[in-house]
Amino acid sequence: MVRPASRSEIGRWAMSLPQSIIIGTLLAGDRLSCCDEGVVWDEDGKIIGAATIAPNGEMMSGEPTIVALYVISSRRREGIGCELMKAAIDRCVERGFGRVRVDVLSTGARKTIAKLSAEQRALLRVVDMGSILDLFPG
C-alpha cells in the first residue's frame, strides 16, 4: 500500500539497500536533502519503493519536483512505480503545487509517465534527461 513518508525514513531505507550508482544518484546526497517528504510502497512494514518530493526543487530552483522514483529490482513491472508516481502527484496537488517537474533518467521512468492519465501528465513538466540510468544495474 502507498503511504506518506518523511525524508529521513526514505533515507534510512535507501541506506539499507545494496549500494549502487542508481541508489546514489536517486536517493542520496543533494537529491535527497532537497526533499522534505515522499510516498512509499509499504508491504507489512517493508518498503518496496519510493518517490521523493522537493517542494522548492533541486538546488532551490523554486520549481516543485518529484526527484526520485525507485522500486527494488525484484518488484519492478508490477505497477508499483506507476502507483507511487500517481500518489506523489496527488500529494503535490494536496500541497498546492501547480505544475511539478520530473526529470526522466531512464526508460522505466518514461514508461511509467506514459501510463499516467492525461490529467496527471498535464500536471507534470517532464524534462527528458536521456536514459543514463539504464546503463547501470540496480
Protein backbone atom coordinates (compact mmCIF):
# COMPACT_ATOMS: atom_id res chain seq x y z
CA MET A 1 0.00 0.00 0.00
CA VAL A 2 1.13 3.55 -0.67
CA ARG A 3 1.65 5.86 2.29
CA PRO A 4 3.44 9.14 3.03
CA ALA A 5 6.96 9.01 4.41
CA SER A 6 9.47 11.52 5.74
CA ARG A 7 12.79 12.25 4.08
CA SER A 8 14.59 10.60 7.00
CA GLU A 9 12.56 7.39 6.68
CA ILE A 10 13.26 7.23 2.95
CA GLY A 11 16.94 7.93 3.60
CA ARG A 12 17.18 5.10 6.15
CA TRP A 13 15.51 2.74 3.68
CA ALA A 14 17.88 3.80 0.88
CA MET A 15 20.88 3.16 3.12
CA SER A 16 19.60 -0.36 3.79
CA LEU A 17 19.57 -1.20 0.07
CA PRO A 18 22.56 -2.67 -1.73
CA GLN A 19 24.50 0.43 -2.75
CA SER A 20 24.69 1.18 -6.45
CA ILE A 21 25.14 4.11 -8.77
CA ILE A 22 21.36 4.26 -9.15
CA ILE A 23 20.73 4.45 -5.39
CA GLY A 24 23.47 7.05 -5.05
CA THR A 25 22.04 9.07 -7.90
CA LEU A 26 18.37 8.95 -6.90
CA LEU A 27 18.25 8.58 -3.14
CA ALA A 28 21.35 10.15 -1.59
CA GLY A 29 23.19 13.42 -1.15
CA ASP A 30 21.78 16.57 -2.70
CA ARG A 31 18.97 14.70 -4.46
CA LEU A 32 17.60 13.57 -1.11
CA SER A 33 18.49 16.61 1.01
CA CYS A 34 16.31 18.90 -1.14
CA CYS A 35 13.27 16.69 -0.43
CA ASP A 36 11.07 17.06 2.62
CA GLU A 37 8.87 14.02 2.12
CA GLY A 38 7.71 11.41 -0.30
CA VAL A 39 5.50 8.39 -0.68
CA VAL A 40 6.47 4.75 -0.23
CA TRP A 41 5.02 1.38 -1.18
CA ASP A 42 4.88 -0.47 2.12
CA GLU A 43 4.11 -4.17 2.50
CA ASP A 44 3.83 -5.27 6.12
CA GLY A 45 6.37 -2.70 7.28
CA LYS A 46 8.82 -3.35 4.45
CA ILE A 47 9.36 -0.57 1.92
CA ILE A 48 9.44 -1.79 -1.68
CA GLY A 49 9.71 1.56 -3.48
CA ALA A 50 9.61 5.32 -3.02
CA ALA A 51 9.04 8.62 -4.76
CA THR A 52 10.55 11.77 -3.24
CA ILE A 53 9.23 15.33 -3.35
CA ALA A 54 11.26 18.56 -3.25
CA PRO A 55 8.85 21.48 -2.71
CA ASN A 56 11.49 24.03 -3.74
CA GLY A 57 13.06 21.88 -6.42
CA GLU A 58 16.59 20.71 -6.74
CA MET A 59 19.24 23.30 -5.96
CA MET A 60 16.42 25.52 -4.66
CA SER A 61 15.19 26.19 -8.20
CA GLY A 62 11.78 27.11 -6.83
CA GLU A 63 10.16 24.54 -9.09
CA PRO A 64 8.43 21.75 -7.12
CA THR A 65 9.95 18.46 -8.26
CA ILE A 66 9.37 14.75 -7.93
CA VAL A 67 13.05 14.00 -7.61
CA ALA A 68 13.26 10.22 -7.45
CA LEU A 69 11.16 7.21 -8.26
CA TYR A 70 12.66 3.87 -7.29
CA VAL A 71 11.32 0.34 -6.90
CA ILE A 72 13.53 -2.55 -5.81
CA SER A 73 14.57 -4.58 -8.83
CA SER A 74 12.79 -7.79 -7.80
CA ARG A 75 9.42 -5.99 -7.77
CA ARG A 76 9.59 -3.98 -10.97
CA ARG A 77 7.00 -4.33 -13.73
CA GLU A 78 4.20 -4.89 -11.21
CA GLY A 79 2.74 -1.37 -11.45
CA ILE A 80 4.26 -0.22 -8.16
CA GLY A 81 6.21 2.61 -9.79
CA CYS A 82 3.08 3.89 -11.51
CA GLU A 83 1.13 3.85 -8.24
CA LEU A 84 3.96 5.68 -6.48
CA MET A 85 4.08 8.31 -9.21
CA LYS A 86 0.31 8.83 -9.03
CA ALA A 87 0.49 9.16 -5.24
CA ALA A 88 3.39 11.62 -5.47
CA ILE A 89 1.44 13.73 -7.97
CA ASP A 90 -1.63 13.63 -5.72
CA ARG A 91 0.49 14.70 -2.74
CA CYS A 92 1.91 17.61 -4.75
CA VAL A 93 -1.63 18.69 -5.68
CA GLU A 94 -2.66 18.47 -2.00
CA ARG A 95 0.26 20.74 -1.16
CA GLY A 96 -0.93 23.31 -3.71
CA PHE A 97 1.84 22.90 -6.27
CA GLY A 98 0.62 23.95 -9.72
CA ARG A 99 2.93 22.04 -12.02
CA VAL A 100 5.58 19.61 -10.89
CA ARG A 101 8.88 18.94 -12.59
CA VAL A 102 10.03 15.37 -13.20
CA ASP A 103 13.49 14.68 -14.63
CA VAL A 104 13.42 11.43 -16.58
CA LEU A 105 16.67 9.46 -16.33
CA SER A 106 15.58 6.00 -17.53
CA THR A 107 13.31 4.25 -19.98
CA GLY A 108 11.43 2.79 -16.99
CA ALA A 109 10.52 6.27 -15.74
CA ARG A 110 9.50 7.29 -19.25
CA LYS A 111 7.19 4.25 -19.50
CA THR A 112 5.73 4.97 -16.06
CA ILE A 113 4.85 8.53 -17.04
CA ALA A 114 3.30 7.31 -20.30
CA LYS A 115 0.91 5.11 -18.28
CA LEU A 116 -0.47 8.07 -16.32
CA SER A 117 -3.79 9.60 -17.27
CA ALA A 118 -3.79 12.70 -19.48
CA GLU A 119 -4.93 14.72 -16.46
CA GLN A 120 -1.99 13.52 -14.37
CA ARG A 121 0.52 14.09 -17.17
CA ALA A 122 -0.85 17.63 -17.61
CA LEU A 123 0.29 18.41 -14.05
CA LEU A 124 3.88 17.47 -14.89
CA ARG A 125 6.69 19.28 -16.61
CA VAL A 126 8.69 16.33 -17.87
CA VAL A 127 12.35 17.00 -18.60
CA ASP A 128 13.89 14.12 -20.53
CA MET A 129 17.49 13.77 -19.42
CA GLY A 130 18.11 10.69 -21.54
CA SER A 131 18.41 7.13 -20.27
CA ILE A 132 21.68 7.31 -18.37
CA LEU A 133 20.46 5.09 -15.53
CA ASP A 134 19.70 2.28 -17.99
CA LEU A 135 23.45 1.73 -18.22
CA PHE A 136 23.74 0.56 -14.60
CA PRO A 137 22.29 -2.43 -12.72
CA GLY A 138 20.17 -1.84 -9.68
